[in-house]
Amino acid sequence: MRSMAGAEVFCAIRSYLSTAAKHGTGKLDALTLAASGTPWMPEVA
């Protein structure tokens, strides 16, 4: 995190992984899905 933009990206990824984990999706699984172009999204209530 050498810049504000880098810090913002870091926080966005960390938040995404934290939310996925709270919904029972593993961090590696969430990253794999995001990298493949089909990001994990929480179910709509």
Protein backbone atom coordinates (compact mmCIF):
# COMPACT_ATOMS: atom_id res chain seq x y z
CA MET A 1 0.00 0.00 0.00
CA ARG A 2 2.19 2.76 -1.24
CA SER A 3 -0.65 4.90 -2.47
CA MET A 4 -4.22 5.75 -1.59
CA ALA A 5 -5.42 3.82 -4.65
CA GLY A 6 -3.54 0.72 -3.50
CA ALA A 7 -5.05 1.01 -0.04
CA GLU A 8 -8.55 1.32 -1.51
CA VAL A 9 -8.06 -1.81 -3.64
CA PHE A 10 -6.73 -3.72 -0.64
CA CYS A 11 -9.73 -2.72 1.47
CA ALA A 12 -12.20 -3.65 -1.28
CA ILE A 13 -10.67 -7.13 -1.67
CA ARG A 14 -10.51 -7.66 2.08
CA SER A 15 -14.16 -6.65 2.45
CA TYR A 16 -15.22 -8.95 -0.40
CA LEU A 17 -13.41 -11.92 1.17
CA SER A 18 -14.78 -11.17 4.62
CA THR A 19 -18.36 -11.04 3.33
CA ALA A 20 -17.91 -14.25 1.36
CA ALA A 21 -16.54 -16.00 4.45
CA LYS A 22 -19.52 -14.85 6.53
CA HIS A 23 -21.78 -16.52 3.97
CA GLY A 24 -19.85 -19.80 4.06
CA THR A 25 -17.72 -19.37 0.94
CA GLY A 26 -14.01 -19.96 1.36
CA LYS A 27 -11.62 -17.14 0.58
CA LEU A 28 -9.76 -19.12 -2.07
CA ASP A 29 -13.05 -20.15 -3.68
CA ALA A 30 -14.22 -16.52 -3.77
CA LEU A 31 -10.94 -15.39 -5.34
CA THR A 32 -11.04 -18.22 -7.89
CA LEU A 33 -14.59 -17.33 -8.90
CA ALA A 34 -13.71 -13.64 -9.21
CA ALA A 35 -10.64 -14.40 -11.33
CA SER A 36 -12.67 -16.64 -13.64
CA GLY A 37 -15.12 -13.83 -14.37
CA THR A 38 -18.05 -15.14 -12.30
CA PRO A 39 -17.63 -13.42 -8.92
CA TRP A 40 -19.37 -14.75 -5.84
CA MET A 41 -22.44 -12.73 -4.90
CA PRO A 42 -24.53 -13.14 -1.74
CA GLU A 43 -28.00 -14.58 -2.19
CA VAL A 44 -30.84 -12.08 -2.27
CA ALA A 45 -33.11 -12.42 0.74
